[in-house]
mmCIF file of all heavy atoms, coordinates in Angstrom:
data_MODEL
# 
_entry.id   MODEL 
# 
loop_
_atom_site.group_PDB 
_atom_site.id 
_atom_site.type_symbol 
_atom_site.label_atom_id 
_atom_site.label_alt_id 
_atom_site.label_comp_id 
_atom_site.label_asym_id 
_atom_site.label_entity_id 
_atom_site.label_seq_id 
_atom_site.pdbx_PDB_ins_code 
_atom_site.Cartn_x 
_atom_site.Cartn_y 
_atom_site.Cartn_z 
_atom_site.occupancy 
_atom_site.B_iso_or_equiv 
_atom_site.pdbx_formal_charge 
_atom_site.auth_seq_id 
_atom_site.auth_comp_id 
_atom_site.auth_asym_id 
_atom_site.auth_atom_id 
_atom_site.pdbx_PDB_model_num 
ATOM 1   N N   . ARG A 1 1  ? -15.164 8.714   2.206   1.00 0.00 ? 1  ARG A N   1 
ATOM 2   C CA  . ARG A 1 1  ? -16.013 7.538   2.201   1.00 0.00 ? 1  ARG A CA  1 
ATOM 3   C C   . ARG A 1 1  ? -15.235 6.247   2.519   1.00 0.00 ? 1  ARG A C   1 
ATOM 4   O O   . ARG A 1 1  ? -15.837 5.202   2.662   1.00 0.00 ? 1  ARG A O   1 
ATOM 5   C CB  . ARG A 1 1  ? -16.657 7.363   0.806   1.00 0.00 ? 1  ARG A CB  1 
ATOM 6   C CG  . ARG A 1 1  ? -17.612 8.479   0.482   1.00 0.00 ? 1  ARG A CG  1 
ATOM 7   C CD  . ARG A 1 1  ? -17.963 8.540   -0.987  1.00 0.00 ? 1  ARG A CD  1 
ATOM 8   N NE  . ARG A 1 1  ? -18.627 9.770   -1.403  1.00 0.00 ? 1  ARG A NE  1 
ATOM 9   C CZ  . ARG A 1 1  ? -19.927 9.819   -1.743  1.00 0.00 ? 1  ARG A CZ  1 
ATOM 10  N NH1 . ARG A 1 1  ? -20.657 8.791   -1.834  1.00 0.00 ? 1  ARG A NH1 1 
ATOM 11  N NH2 . ARG A 1 1  ? -20.411 11.032  -2.094  1.00 0.00 ? 1  ARG A NH2 1 
ATOM 12  N N   . GLY A 1 2  ? -13.915 6.284   2.514   1.00 0.00 ? 2  GLY A N   1 
ATOM 13  C CA  . GLY A 1 2  ? -13.107 5.144   2.853   1.00 0.00 ? 2  GLY A CA  1 
ATOM 14  C C   . GLY A 1 2  ? -13.110 4.115   1.721   1.00 0.00 ? 2  GLY A C   1 
ATOM 15  O O   . GLY A 1 2  ? -12.936 2.942   1.999   1.00 0.00 ? 2  GLY A O   1 
ATOM 16  N N   . ILE A 1 3  ? -13.446 4.606   0.502   1.00 0.00 ? 3  ILE A N   1 
ATOM 17  C CA  . ILE A 1 3  ? -13.449 3.609   -0.642  1.00 0.00 ? 3  ILE A CA  1 
ATOM 18  C C   . ILE A 1 3  ? -12.514 4.187   -1.775  1.00 0.00 ? 3  ILE A C   1 
ATOM 19  O O   . ILE A 1 3  ? -12.209 5.339   -1.817  1.00 0.00 ? 3  ILE A O   1 
ATOM 20  C CB  . ILE A 1 3  ? -14.852 3.463   -1.225  1.00 0.00 ? 3  ILE A CB  1 
ATOM 21  C CG1 . ILE A 1 3  ? -15.389 4.801   -1.746  1.00 0.00 ? 3  ILE A CG1 1 
ATOM 22  C CG2 . ILE A 1 3  ? -15.801 2.828   -0.209  1.00 0.00 ? 3  ILE A CG2 1 
ATOM 23  C CD1 . ILE A 1 3  ? -16.680 4.691   -2.576  1.00 0.00 ? 3  ILE A CD1 1 
ATOM 24  N N   . THR A 1 4  ? -12.072 3.305   -2.649  1.00 0.00 ? 4  THR A N   1 
ATOM 25  C CA  . THR A 1 4  ? -11.315 3.704   -3.804  1.00 0.00 ? 4  THR A CA  1 
ATOM 26  C C   . THR A 1 4  ? -12.266 3.982   -4.926  1.00 0.00 ? 4  THR A C   1 
ATOM 27  O O   . THR A 1 4  ? -13.196 3.174   -5.193  1.00 0.00 ? 4  THR A O   1 
ATOM 28  C CB  . THR A 1 4  ? -10.297 2.625   -4.176  1.00 0.00 ? 4  THR A CB  1 
ATOM 29  O OG1 . THR A 1 4  ? -9.518  2.380   -3.126  1.00 0.00 ? 4  THR A OG1 1 
ATOM 30  C CG2 . THR A 1 4  ? -9.433  3.049   -5.394  1.00 0.00 ? 4  THR A CG2 1 
ATOM 31  N N   . ILE A 1 5  ? -12.108 5.154   -5.584  1.00 0.00 ? 5  ILE A N   1 
ATOM 32  C CA  . ILE A 1 5  ? -13.010 5.509   -6.678  1.00 0.00 ? 5  ILE A CA  1 
ATOM 33  C C   . ILE A 1 5  ? -12.265 5.435   -8.037  1.00 0.00 ? 5  ILE A C   1 
ATOM 34  O O   . ILE A 1 5  ? -12.820 4.946   -9.032  1.00 0.00 ? 5  ILE A O   1 
ATOM 35  C CB  . ILE A 1 5  ? -13.577 6.948   -6.470  1.00 0.00 ? 5  ILE A CB  1 
ATOM 36  C CG1 . ILE A 1 5  ? -14.492 6.961   -5.235  1.00 0.00 ? 5  ILE A CG1 1 
ATOM 37  C CG2 . ILE A 1 5  ? -14.291 7.473   -7.669  1.00 0.00 ? 5  ILE A CG2 1 
ATOM 38  C CD1 . ILE A 1 5  ? -14.862 8.333   -4.717  1.00 0.00 ? 5  ILE A CD1 1 
ATOM 39  N N   . THR A 1 6  ? -11.034 5.910   -8.027  1.00 0.00 ? 6  THR A N   1 
ATOM 40  C CA  . THR A 1 6  ? -10.295 5.960   -9.263  1.00 0.00 ? 6  THR A CA  1 
ATOM 41  C C   . THR A 1 6  ? -9.064  5.150   -9.114  1.00 0.00 ? 6  THR A C   1 
ATOM 42  O O   . THR A 1 6  ? -8.484  5.079   -8.011  1.00 0.00 ? 6  THR A O   1 
ATOM 43  C CB  . THR A 1 6  ? -9.993  7.403   -9.613  1.00 0.00 ? 6  THR A CB  1 
ATOM 44  O OG1 . THR A 1 6  ? -9.127  7.333   -10.811 1.00 0.00 ? 6  THR A OG1 1 
ATOM 45  C CG2 . THR A 1 6  ? -9.213  8.137   -8.569  1.00 0.00 ? 6  THR A CG2 1 
ATOM 46  N N   . SER A 1 7  ? -8.663  4.369   -10.137 1.00 0.00 ? 7  SER A N   1 
ATOM 47  C CA  . SER A 1 7  ? -7.441  3.530   -10.036 1.00 0.00 ? 7  SER A CA  1 
ATOM 48  C C   . SER A 1 7  ? -6.230  4.485   -9.917  1.00 0.00 ? 7  SER A C   1 
ATOM 49  O O   . SER A 1 7  ? -6.185  5.436   -10.677 1.00 0.00 ? 7  SER A O   1 
ATOM 50  C CB  . SER A 1 7  ? -7.311  2.635   -11.247 1.00 0.00 ? 7  SER A CB  1 
ATOM 51  O OG  . SER A 1 7  ? -7.407  3.357   -12.428 1.00 0.00 ? 7  SER A OG  1 
ATOM 52  N N   . ALA A 1 8  ? -5.357  4.212   -9.013  1.00 0.00 ? 8  ALA A N   1 
ATOM 53  C CA  . ALA A 1 8  ? -4.192  5.044   -8.837  1.00 0.00 ? 8  ALA A CA  1 
ATOM 54  C C   . ALA A 1 8  ? -2.937  4.293   -9.135  1.00 0.00 ? 8  ALA A C   1 
ATOM 55  O O   . ALA A 1 8  ? -2.809  3.074   -8.794  1.00 0.00 ? 8  ALA A O   1 
ATOM 56  C CB  . ALA A 1 8  ? -4.130  5.569   -7.346  1.00 0.00 ? 8  ALA A CB  1 
ATOM 57  N N   . ALA A 1 9  ? -2.001  4.916   -9.887  1.00 0.00 ? 9  ALA A N   1 
ATOM 58  C CA  . ALA A 1 9  ? -0.756  4.219   -10.336 1.00 0.00 ? 9  ALA A CA  1 
ATOM 59  C C   . ALA A 1 9  ? 0.361   4.698   -9.427  1.00 0.00 ? 9  ALA A C   1 
ATOM 60  O O   . ALA A 1 9  ? 0.385   5.854   -9.032  1.00 0.00 ? 9  ALA A O   1 
ATOM 61  C CB  . ALA A 1 9  ? -0.504  4.543   -11.757 1.00 0.00 ? 9  ALA A CB  1 
ATOM 62  N N   . THR A 1 10 ? 1.307   3.815   -9.115  1.00 0.00 ? 10 THR A N   1 
ATOM 63  C CA  . THR A 1 10 ? 2.550   4.207   -8.438  1.00 0.00 ? 10 THR A CA  1 
ATOM 64  C C   . THR A 1 10 ? 3.664   3.358   -8.881  1.00 0.00 ? 10 THR A C   1 
ATOM 65  O O   . THR A 1 10 ? 3.509   2.325   -9.545  1.00 0.00 ? 10 THR A O   1 
ATOM 66  C CB  . THR A 1 10 ? 2.294   4.145   -6.873  1.00 0.00 ? 10 THR A CB  1 
ATOM 67  O OG1 . THR A 1 10 ? 3.416   4.762   -6.280  1.00 0.00 ? 10 THR A OG1 1 
ATOM 68  C CG2 . THR A 1 10 ? 2.218   2.687   -6.425  1.00 0.00 ? 10 THR A CG2 1 
ATOM 69  N N   . THR A 1 11 ? 4.894   3.794   -8.589  1.00 0.00 ? 11 THR A N   1 
ATOM 70  C CA  . THR A 1 11 ? 6.081   3.114   -9.036  1.00 0.00 ? 11 THR A CA  1 
ATOM 71  C C   . THR A 1 11 ? 7.004   2.930   -7.788  1.00 0.00 ? 11 THR A C   1 
ATOM 72  O O   . THR A 1 11 ? 7.063   3.799   -6.961  1.00 0.00 ? 11 THR A O   1 
ATOM 73  C CB  . THR A 1 11 ? 6.878   4.017   -9.999  1.00 0.00 ? 11 THR A CB  1 
ATOM 74  O OG1 . THR A 1 11 ? 5.948   4.314   -11.095 1.00 0.00 ? 11 THR A OG1 1 
ATOM 75  C CG2 . THR A 1 11 ? 8.047   3.330   -10.594 1.00 0.00 ? 11 THR A CG2 1 
ATOM 76  N N   . CYS A 1 12 ? 7.569   1.707   -7.672  1.00 0.00 ? 12 CYS A N   1 
ATOM 77  C CA  . CYS A 1 12 ? 8.554   1.474   -6.512  1.00 0.00 ? 12 CYS A CA  1 
ATOM 78  C C   . CYS A 1 12 ? 9.509   0.374   -6.898  1.00 0.00 ? 12 CYS A C   1 
ATOM 79  O O   . CYS A 1 12 ? 9.338   -0.262  -7.858  1.00 0.00 ? 12 CYS A O   1 
ATOM 80  C CB  . CYS A 1 12 ? 7.739   1.165   -5.250  1.00 0.00 ? 12 CYS A CB  1 
ATOM 81  S SG  . CYS A 1 12 ? 6.629   -0.299  -5.434  1.00 0.00 ? 12 CYS A SG  1 
ATOM 82  N N   . SER A 1 13 ? 10.429  0.166   -6.039  1.00 0.00 ? 13 SER A N   1 
ATOM 83  C CA  . SER A 1 13 ? 11.446  -0.907  -6.261  1.00 0.00 ? 13 SER A CA  1 
ATOM 84  C C   . SER A 1 13 ? 11.437  -1.837  -5.068  1.00 0.00 ? 13 SER A C   1 
ATOM 85  O O   . SER A 1 13 ? 11.297  -1.365  -3.945  1.00 0.00 ? 13 SER A O   1 
ATOM 86  C CB  . SER A 1 13 ? 12.881  -0.315  -6.432  1.00 0.00 ? 13 SER A CB  1 
ATOM 87  O OG  . SER A 1 13 ? 12.913  0.430   -7.574  1.00 0.00 ? 13 SER A OG  1 
ATOM 88  N N   . TRP A 1 14 ? 11.650  -3.135  -5.345  1.00 0.00 ? 14 TRP A N   1 
ATOM 89  C CA  . TRP A 1 14 ? 11.719  -4.120  -4.253  1.00 0.00 ? 14 TRP A CA  1 
ATOM 90  C C   . TRP A 1 14 ? 13.021  -5.015  -4.434  1.00 0.00 ? 14 TRP A C   1 
ATOM 91  O O   . TRP A 1 14 ? 13.191  -5.568  -5.445  1.00 0.00 ? 14 TRP A O   1 
ATOM 92  C CB  . TRP A 1 14 ? 10.437  -5.008  -4.281  1.00 0.00 ? 14 TRP A CB  1 
ATOM 93  C CG  . TRP A 1 14 ? 10.365  -6.113  -3.337  1.00 0.00 ? 14 TRP A CG  1 
ATOM 94  C CD1 . TRP A 1 14 ? 10.356  -7.451  -3.596  1.00 0.00 ? 14 TRP A CD1 1 
ATOM 95  C CD2 . TRP A 1 14 ? 10.291  -5.997  -1.960  1.00 0.00 ? 14 TRP A CD2 1 
ATOM 96  N NE1 . TRP A 1 14 ? 10.278  -8.183  -2.434  1.00 0.00 ? 14 TRP A NE1 1 
ATOM 97  C CE2 . TRP A 1 14 ? 10.247  -7.275  -1.377  1.00 0.00 ? 14 TRP A CE2 1 
ATOM 98  C CE3 . TRP A 1 14 ? 10.264  -4.896  -1.052  1.00 0.00 ? 14 TRP A CE3 1 
ATOM 99  C CZ2 . TRP A 1 14 ? 10.139  -7.519  0.039   1.00 0.00 ? 14 TRP A CZ2 1 
ATOM 100 C CZ3 . TRP A 1 14 ? 10.171  -5.123  0.315   1.00 0.00 ? 14 TRP A CZ3 1 
ATOM 101 C CH2 . TRP A 1 14 ? 10.071  -6.480  0.833   1.00 0.00 ? 14 TRP A CH2 1 
ATOM 102 N N   . ASN A 1 15 ? 13.767  -5.039  -3.342  1.00 0.00 ? 15 ASN A N   1 
ATOM 103 C CA  . ASN A 1 15 ? 14.968  -5.832  -3.329  1.00 0.00 ? 15 ASN A CA  1 
ATOM 104 C C   . ASN A 1 15 ? 14.663  -7.291  -3.078  1.00 0.00 ? 15 ASN A C   1 
ATOM 105 O O   . ASN A 1 15 ? 14.119  -7.567  -1.992  1.00 0.00 ? 15 ASN A O   1 
ATOM 106 C CB  . ASN A 1 15 ? 15.994  -5.294  -2.319  1.00 0.00 ? 15 ASN A CB  1 
ATOM 107 C CG  . ASN A 1 15 ? 16.595  -3.988  -2.795  1.00 0.00 ? 15 ASN A CG  1 
ATOM 108 O OD1 . ASN A 1 15 ? 16.922  -3.882  -3.993  1.00 0.00 ? 15 ASN A OD1 1 
ATOM 109 N ND2 . ASN A 1 15 ? 16.662  -3.027  -1.915  1.00 0.00 ? 15 ASN A ND2 1 
ATOM 110 N N   . PHE A 1 16 ? 14.910  -8.114  -3.977  1.00 0.00 ? 16 PHE A N   1 
ATOM 111 C CA  . PHE A 1 16 ? 14.570  -9.585  -3.845  1.00 0.00 ? 16 PHE A CA  1 
ATOM 112 C C   . PHE A 1 16 ? 15.782  -10.335 -4.292  1.00 0.00 ? 16 PHE A C   1 
ATOM 113 O O   . PHE A 1 16 ? 16.395  -9.987  -5.289  1.00 0.00 ? 16 PHE A O   1 
ATOM 114 C CB  . PHE A 1 16 ? 13.331  -9.844  -4.702  1.00 0.00 ? 16 PHE A CB  1 
ATOM 115 C CG  . PHE A 1 16 ? 13.090  -11.307 -4.851  1.00 0.00 ? 16 PHE A CG  1 
ATOM 116 C CD1 . PHE A 1 16 ? 12.577  -12.063 -3.843  1.00 0.00 ? 16 PHE A CD1 1 
ATOM 117 C CD2 . PHE A 1 16 ? 13.425  -12.048 -6.024  1.00 0.00 ? 16 PHE A CD2 1 
ATOM 118 C CE1 . PHE A 1 16 ? 12.328  -13.379 -3.959  1.00 0.00 ? 16 PHE A CE1 1 
ATOM 119 C CE2 . PHE A 1 16 ? 13.244  -13.383 -6.136  1.00 0.00 ? 16 PHE A CE2 1 
ATOM 120 C CZ  . PHE A 1 16 ? 12.640  -14.052 -5.137  1.00 0.00 ? 16 PHE A CZ  1 
ATOM 121 N N   . PRO A 1 17 ? 16.226  -11.427 -3.718  1.00 0.00 ? 17 PRO A N   1 
ATOM 122 C CA  . PRO A 1 17 ? 15.618  -12.099 -2.545  1.00 0.00 ? 17 PRO A CA  1 
ATOM 123 C C   . PRO A 1 17 ? 16.003  -11.354 -1.244  1.00 0.00 ? 17 PRO A C   1 
ATOM 124 O O   . PRO A 1 17 ? 17.129  -10.864 -1.160  1.00 0.00 ? 17 PRO A O   1 
ATOM 125 C CB  . PRO A 1 17 ? 16.126  -13.494 -2.633  1.00 0.00 ? 17 PRO A CB  1 
ATOM 126 C CG  . PRO A 1 17 ? 17.462  -13.349 -3.289  1.00 0.00 ? 17 PRO A CG  1 
ATOM 127 C CD  . PRO A 1 17 ? 17.370  -12.198 -4.215  1.00 0.00 ? 17 PRO A CD  1 
ATOM 128 N N   . THR A 1 18 ? 15.146  -11.452 -0.238  1.00 0.00 ? 18 THR A N   1 
ATOM 129 C CA  . THR A 1 18 ? 15.473  -10.894 1.044   1.00 0.00 ? 18 THR A CA  1 
ATOM 130 C C   . THR A 1 18 ? 15.376  -12.046 2.041   1.00 0.00 ? 18 THR A C   1 
ATOM 131 O O   . THR A 1 18 ? 14.682  -13.059 1.859   1.00 0.00 ? 18 THR A O   1 
ATOM 132 C CB  . THR A 1 18 ? 14.458  -9.823  1.472   1.00 0.00 ? 18 THR A CB  1 
ATOM 133 O OG1 . THR A 1 18 ? 13.163  -10.407 1.369   1.00 0.00 ? 18 THR A OG1 1 
ATOM 134 C CG2 . THR A 1 18 ? 14.542  -8.565  0.630   1.00 0.00 ? 18 THR A CG2 1 
ATOM 135 N N   . THR A 1 19 ? 16.145  -11.971 3.137   1.00 0.00 ? 19 THR A N   1 
ATOM 136 C CA  . THR A 1 19 ? 16.050  -12.926 4.175   1.00 0.00 ? 19 THR A CA  1 
ATOM 137 C C   . THR A 1 19 ? 16.178  -12.257 5.504   1.00 0.00 ? 19 THR A C   1 
ATOM 138 O O   . THR A 1 19 ? 17.143  -11.456 5.699   1.00 0.00 ? 19 THR A O   1 
ATOM 139 C CB  . THR A 1 19 ? 17.105  -14.082 3.973   1.00 0.00 ? 19 THR A CB  1 
ATOM 140 O OG1 . THR A 1 19 ? 16.987  -14.989 5.039   1.00 0.00 ? 19 THR A OG1 1 
ATOM 141 C CG2 . THR A 1 19 ? 18.519  -13.539 3.871   1.00 0.00 ? 19 THR A CG2 1 
ATOM 142 N N   . GLN A 1 20 ? 15.246  -12.542 6.357   1.00 0.00 ? 20 GLN A N   1 
ATOM 143 C CA  . GLN A 1 20 ? 15.300  -11.975 7.732   1.00 0.00 ? 20 GLN A CA  1 
ATOM 144 C C   . GLN A 1 20 ? 15.504  -10.454 7.675   1.00 0.00 ? 20 GLN A C   1 
ATOM 145 O O   . GLN A 1 20 ? 16.233  -9.879  8.512   1.00 0.00 ? 20 GLN A O   1 
ATOM 146 C CB  . GLN A 1 20 ? 16.440  -12.619 8.554   1.00 0.00 ? 20 GLN A CB  1 
ATOM 147 C CG  . GLN A 1 20 ? 16.053  -14.043 8.891   1.00 0.00 ? 20 GLN A CG  1 
ATOM 148 C CD  . GLN A 1 20 ? 17.108  -14.702 9.686   1.00 0.00 ? 20 GLN A CD  1 
ATOM 149 O OE1 . GLN A 1 20 ? 18.071  -15.250 9.128   1.00 0.00 ? 20 GLN A OE1 1 
ATOM 150 N NE2 . GLN A 1 20 ? 17.123  -14.613 10.983  1.00 0.00 ? 20 GLN A NE2 1 
ATOM 151 N N   . GLY A 1 21 ? 14.836  -9.817  6.729   1.00 0.00 ? 21 GLY A N   1 
ATOM 152 C CA  . GLY A 1 21 ? 14.868  -8.402  6.686   1.00 0.00 ? 21 GLY A CA  1 
ATOM 153 C C   . GLY A 1 21 ? 16.172  -7.810  6.182   1.00 0.00 ? 21 GLY A C   1 
ATOM 154 O O   . GLY A 1 21 ? 16.337  -6.622  6.058   1.00 0.00 ? 21 GLY A O   1 
ATOM 155 N N   . LYS A 1 22 ? 17.196  -8.603  5.840   1.00 0.00 ? 22 LYS A N   1 
ATOM 156 C CA  . LYS A 1 22 ? 18.485  -8.099  5.340   1.00 0.00 ? 22 LYS A CA  1 
ATOM 157 C C   . LYS A 1 22 ? 18.507  -8.372  3.819   1.00 0.00 ? 22 LYS A C   1 
ATOM 158 O O   . LYS A 1 22 ? 18.032  -9.413  3.365   1.00 0.00 ? 22 LYS A O   1 
ATOM 159 C CB  . LYS A 1 22 ? 19.647  -8.855  6.055   1.00 0.00 ? 22 LYS A CB  1 
ATOM 160 C CG  . LYS A 1 22 ? 19.737  -8.541  7.492   1.00 0.00 ? 22 LYS A CG  1 
ATOM 161 C CD  . LYS A 1 22 ? 21.036  -9.188  8.015   1.00 0.00 ? 22 LYS A CD  1 
ATOM 162 C CE  . LYS A 1 22 ? 21.064  -9.214  9.496   1.00 0.00 ? 22 LYS A CE  1 
ATOM 163 N NZ  . LYS A 1 22 ? 20.175  -10.272 10.076  1.00 0.00 ? 22 LYS A NZ  1 
ATOM 164 N N   . VAL A 1 23 ? 19.187  -7.460  3.138   1.00 0.00 ? 23 VAL A N   1 
ATOM 165 C CA  . VAL A 1 23 ? 19.243  -7.627  1.670   1.00 0.00 ? 23 VAL A CA  1 
ATOM 166 C C   . VAL A 1 23 ? 20.523  -8.418  1.387   1.00 0.00 ? 23 VAL A C   1 
ATOM 167 O O   . VAL A 1 23 ? 21.606  -8.174  1.928   1.00 0.00 ? 23 VAL A O   1 
ATOM 168 C CB  . VAL A 1 23 ? 19.392  -6.243  0.984   1.00 0.00 ? 23 VAL A CB  1 
ATOM 169 C CG1 . VAL A 1 23 ? 19.492  -6.470  -0.529  1.00 0.00 ? 23 VAL A CG1 1 
ATOM 170 C CG2 . VAL A 1 23 ? 18.131  -5.467  1.306   1.00 0.00 ? 23 VAL A CG2 1 
ATOM 171 N N   . LEU A 1 24 ? 20.420  -9.478  0.554   1.00 0.00 ? 24 LEU A N   1 
ATOM 172 C CA  . LEU A 1 24 ? 21.535  -10.300 0.172   1.00 0.00 ? 24 LEU A CA  1 
ATOM 173 C C   . LEU A 1 24 ? 22.439  -9.495  -0.805  1.00 0.00 ? 24 LEU A C   1 
ATOM 174 O O   . LEU A 1 24 ? 21.951  -8.657  -1.513  1.00 0.00 ? 24 LEU A O   1 
ATOM 175 C CB  . LEU A 1 24 ? 21.087  -11.575 -0.460  1.00 0.00 ? 24 LEU A CB  1 
ATOM 176 C CG  . LEU A 1 24 ? 20.311  -12.575 0.407   1.00 0.00 ? 24 LEU A CG  1 
ATOM 177 C CD1 . LEU A 1 24 ? 19.950  -13.794 -0.396  1.00 0.00 ? 24 LEU A CD1 1 
ATOM 178 C CD2 . LEU A 1 24 ? 21.137  -12.979 1.611   1.00 0.00 ? 24 LEU A CD2 1 
ATOM 179 N N   . PRO A 1 25 ? 23.710  -9.809  -0.801  1.00 0.00 ? 25 PRO A N   1 
ATOM 180 C CA  . PRO A 1 25 ? 24.622  -9.106  -1.711  1.00 0.00 ? 25 PRO A CA  1 
ATOM 181 C C   . PRO A 1 25 ? 24.289  -9.202  -3.165  1.00 0.00 ? 25 PRO A C   1 
ATOM 182 O O   . PRO A 1 25 ? 24.444  -8.277  -3.914  1.00 0.00 ? 25 PRO A O   1 
ATOM 183 C CB  . PRO A 1 25 ? 26.007  -9.664  -1.409  1.00 0.00 ? 25 PRO A CB  1 
ATOM 184 C CG  . PRO A 1 25 ? 25.743  -10.940 -0.568  1.00 0.00 ? 25 PRO A CG  1 
ATOM 185 C CD  . PRO A 1 25 ? 24.438  -10.799 0.049   1.00 0.00 ? 25 PRO A CD  1 
# 
């Protein structure tokens, strides 16, 4: 149907701050 029916949970990590796609030290 292309719709969300049930809430889905997920876990991930995000490196912040980033600049121009490169990760700062």
